[in-house]
Amino acid sequence: MDVDETPMKGELPRHHAARLAQDKARAGAAQFPGCLVLGADTVVGVGRRILPKAEDRATADRCLDLLSGRRHRVFGGVSLISPDGKHLFRLVETAVTFKRLSSVEKEGYLRSAEWDGKAGGYAIQGLAEAFIEKISGSYSNVVGLPLHETAKLLASFGIGPATP
């Protein structure tokens, strides 16, 4: 599936996450007609700025500089399309506050390469968890998929754990 993840001019982080999740679900539904398809995306935003996925050390370094000592938001878009074309969508927002990073902490994290391919240049489920002062909202959203909201969407289609 090929979905262009480039932000549109003036696109805000929340809208970017929503658009990408829905575009991915539509692309999956076109490729696999008659199947239940889930599309999702995670976007890290500092104010109106969309932080990129860190594909190189320089990008990760810039992201960490922007996050250090600040609060940012993580937006998770989840889109489900049923075999009959019914489309359900949720957008989840989590506020995360980073401690002010020392140069030693930042350099250590950059050396770990844990940031590679991660939105905003960090993985909360790893070493970067030590940088988190406060989180308000869904932890799994920051990891990459808001599990509670995804389970609720799946339940709307009758998919979920068996109940006694």
Protein backbone atom coordinates (compact mmCIF):
# COMPACT_ATOMS: atom_id res chain seq x y z
CA MET A 1 0.00 0.00 0.00
CA ASP A 2 1.39 3.34 -0.97
CA VAL A 3 0.03 6.35 0.92
CA ASP A 4 1.87 9.66 0.69
CA GLU A 5 2.53 10.77 4.28
CA THR A 6 3.68 14.28 3.34
CA PRO A 7 1.73 16.90 5.31
CA MET A 8 -0.42 19.19 3.20
CA LYS A 9 0.37 22.89 3.32
CA GLY A 10 -1.05 24.35 6.54
CA GLU A 11 -2.26 20.95 7.77
CA LEU A 12 -2.46 20.71 11.56
CA PRO A 13 -1.17 17.60 13.38
CA ARG A 14 -4.64 16.33 14.35
CA HIS A 15 -5.92 16.66 10.78
CA HIS A 16 -2.80 15.00 9.42
CA ALA A 17 -3.29 11.93 11.67
CA ALA A 18 -6.96 11.72 10.73
CA ARG A 19 -6.31 12.03 7.00
CA LEU A 20 -3.52 9.46 6.96
CA ALA A 21 -5.48 6.86 8.96
CA GLN A 22 -8.45 7.21 6.63
CA ASP A 23 -6.29 7.22 3.48
CA LYS A 24 -4.54 4.04 4.65
CA ALA A 25 -7.86 2.33 5.38
CA ARG A 26 -9.25 3.30 1.97
CA ALA A 27 -6.09 2.08 0.23
CA GLY A 28 -6.31 -1.21 2.11
CA ALA A 29 -9.99 -1.61 1.29
CA ALA A 30 -9.24 -1.04 -2.41
CA GLN A 31 -6.46 -3.63 -2.32
CA PHE A 32 -8.47 -6.17 -0.30
CA PRO A 33 -12.14 -5.76 -1.27
CA GLY A 34 -14.59 -7.63 0.93
CA CYS A 35 -12.27 -7.57 3.94
CA LEU A 36 -12.36 -5.69 7.21
CA VAL A 37 -9.51 -3.19 6.97
CA LEU A 38 -7.87 -1.11 9.69
CA GLY A 39 -5.83 1.98 8.85
CA ALA A 40 -3.94 3.88 11.53
CA ASP A 41 -1.36 6.60 11.93
CA THR A 42 0.40 8.37 14.78
CA VAL A 43 1.45 12.02 14.57
CA VAL A 44 3.45 13.99 17.12
CA GLY A 45 2.65 17.68 17.24
CA VAL A 46 4.33 20.58 18.99
CA GLY A 47 1.88 23.44 18.68
CA ARG A 48 0.93 23.65 15.00
CA ARG A 49 4.11 21.84 13.93
CA ILE A 50 4.08 18.21 12.79
CA LEU A 51 7.21 16.39 13.89
CA PRO A 52 8.52 13.92 11.31
CA LYS A 53 9.34 10.27 11.66
CA ALA A 54 13.02 10.30 12.49
CA GLU A 55 14.80 8.51 9.67
CA ASP A 56 18.26 9.85 10.52
CA ARG A 57 20.16 11.03 13.58
CA ALA A 58 19.98 14.73 12.63
CA THR A 59 16.17 14.60 12.45
CA ALA A 60 15.97 12.76 15.78
CA ASP A 61 18.27 15.38 17.32
CA ARG A 62 16.02 18.23 16.11
CA CYS A 63 12.91 16.45 17.40
CA LEU A 64 14.43 15.93 20.85
CA ASP A 65 15.45 19.59 20.97
CA LEU A 66 11.83 20.59 20.26
CA LEU A 67 10.41 18.16 22.83
CA SER A 68 12.89 18.88 25.64
CA GLY A 69 11.20 20.62 28.57
CA ARG A 70 7.90 20.95 26.72
CA ARG A 71 4.45 19.49 26.45
CA HIS A 72 3.41 18.05 23.12
CA ARG A 73 0.48 16.10 21.77
CA VAL A 74 0.32 12.71 20.14
CA PHE A 75 -2.59 12.15 17.76
CA GLY A 76 -3.63 8.64 16.81
CA GLY A 77 -6.07 8.14 14.00
CA VAL A 78 -7.81 4.77 13.66
CA SER A 79 -10.07 4.00 10.72
CA LEU A 80 -12.00 0.79 10.06
CA ILE A 81 -13.80 -0.11 6.85
CA SER A 82 -16.09 -3.15 6.87
CA PRO A 83 -16.51 -5.59 3.97
CA ASP A 84 -19.77 -3.83 3.06
CA GLY A 85 -18.08 -0.39 3.02
CA LYS A 86 -19.20 0.94 6.42
CA HIS A 87 -16.51 3.33 7.68
CA LEU A 88 -15.84 4.09 11.36
CA PHE A 89 -13.17 6.46 12.64
CA ARG A 90 -11.68 7.68 15.93
CA LEU A 91 -9.04 10.29 16.68
CA VAL A 92 -7.25 9.97 20.01
CA GLU A 93 -5.22 12.76 21.60
CA THR A 94 -2.63 12.26 24.34
CA ALA A 95 -0.67 15.06 26.03
CA VAL A 96 2.92 14.20 26.94
CA THR A 97 5.36 16.36 28.91
CA PHE A 98 9.10 15.81 28.46
CA LYS A 99 11.62 16.75 31.10
CA ARG A 100 14.38 19.13 30.06
CA LEU A 101 17.00 16.85 28.56
CA SER A 102 20.65 17.25 29.43
CA SER A 103 23.17 16.95 26.60
CA VAL A 104 24.32 13.62 28.12
CA GLU A 105 20.76 12.22 28.16
CA LYS A 106 20.08 13.36 24.61
CA GLU A 107 23.37 11.98 23.29
CA GLY A 108 22.78 8.64 25.01
CA TYR A 109 19.34 8.35 23.46
CA LEU A 110 20.64 9.28 20.02
CA ARG A 111 23.37 6.62 20.33
CA SER A 112 20.72 4.00 21.13
CA ALA A 113 19.10 4.50 17.69
CA GLU A 114 15.78 3.64 19.33
CA TRP A 115 14.39 6.76 17.63
CA ASP A 116 14.78 5.24 14.14
CA GLY A 117 11.48 5.39 12.26
CA LYS A 118 9.57 6.76 15.25
CA ALA A 119 7.15 9.67 15.01
CA GLY A 120 8.69 12.62 16.84
CA GLY A 121 11.97 10.76 17.21
CA TYR A 122 11.18 8.75 20.33
CA ALA A 123 9.64 5.51 21.56
CA ILE A 124 7.82 5.91 24.89
CA GLN A 125 7.87 2.14 25.43
CA GLY A 126 11.66 2.15 25.58
CA LEU A 127 14.47 4.27 26.94
CA ALA A 128 12.60 7.54 26.33
CA GLU A 129 10.08 6.63 29.02
CA ALA A 130 12.64 8.03 31.49
CA PHE A 131 12.14 11.46 29.86
CA ILE A 132 8.39 11.58 30.48
CA GLU A 133 7.29 13.79 33.37
CA LYS A 134 3.57 13.50 32.70
CA ILE A 135 1.16 11.81 30.35
CA SER A 136 -2.51 12.60 30.05
CA GLY A 137 -4.51 10.20 27.94
CA SER A 138 -3.85 6.91 26.23
CA TYR A 139 -0.39 5.40 26.71
CA SER A 140 -0.96 2.90 23.89
CA ASN A 141 -1.75 5.82 21.58
CA VAL A 142 1.77 7.15 22.17
CA VAL A 143 3.19 3.67 21.54
CA GLY A 144 1.46 3.71 18.16
CA LEU A 145 -2.08 2.32 18.31
CA PRO A 146 -4.77 3.38 20.80
CA LEU A 147 -5.89 -0.08 21.88
CA HIS A 148 -9.01 0.84 23.87
CA GLU A 149 -10.46 2.89 21.02
CA THR A 150 -9.47 0.28 18.43
CA ALA A 151 -11.20 -2.43 20.46
CA LYS A 152 -14.35 -0.28 20.66
CA LEU A 153 -14.34 0.19 16.87
CA LEU A 154 -13.90 -3.55 16.34
CA ALA A 155 -16.74 -4.24 18.80
CA SER A 156 -18.98 -2.06 16.60
CA PHE A 157 -18.50 -4.74 13.95
CA GLY A 158 -19.09 -7.57 16.43
CA ILE A 159 -15.40 -8.41 16.73
CA GLY A 160 -13.89 -8.84 20.17
CA PRO A 161 -13.33 -11.16 23.04
CA ALA A 162 -15.96 -13.77 23.74
CA THR A 163 -18.21 -12.92 26.65
CA PRO A 164 -19.68 -15.54 28.98
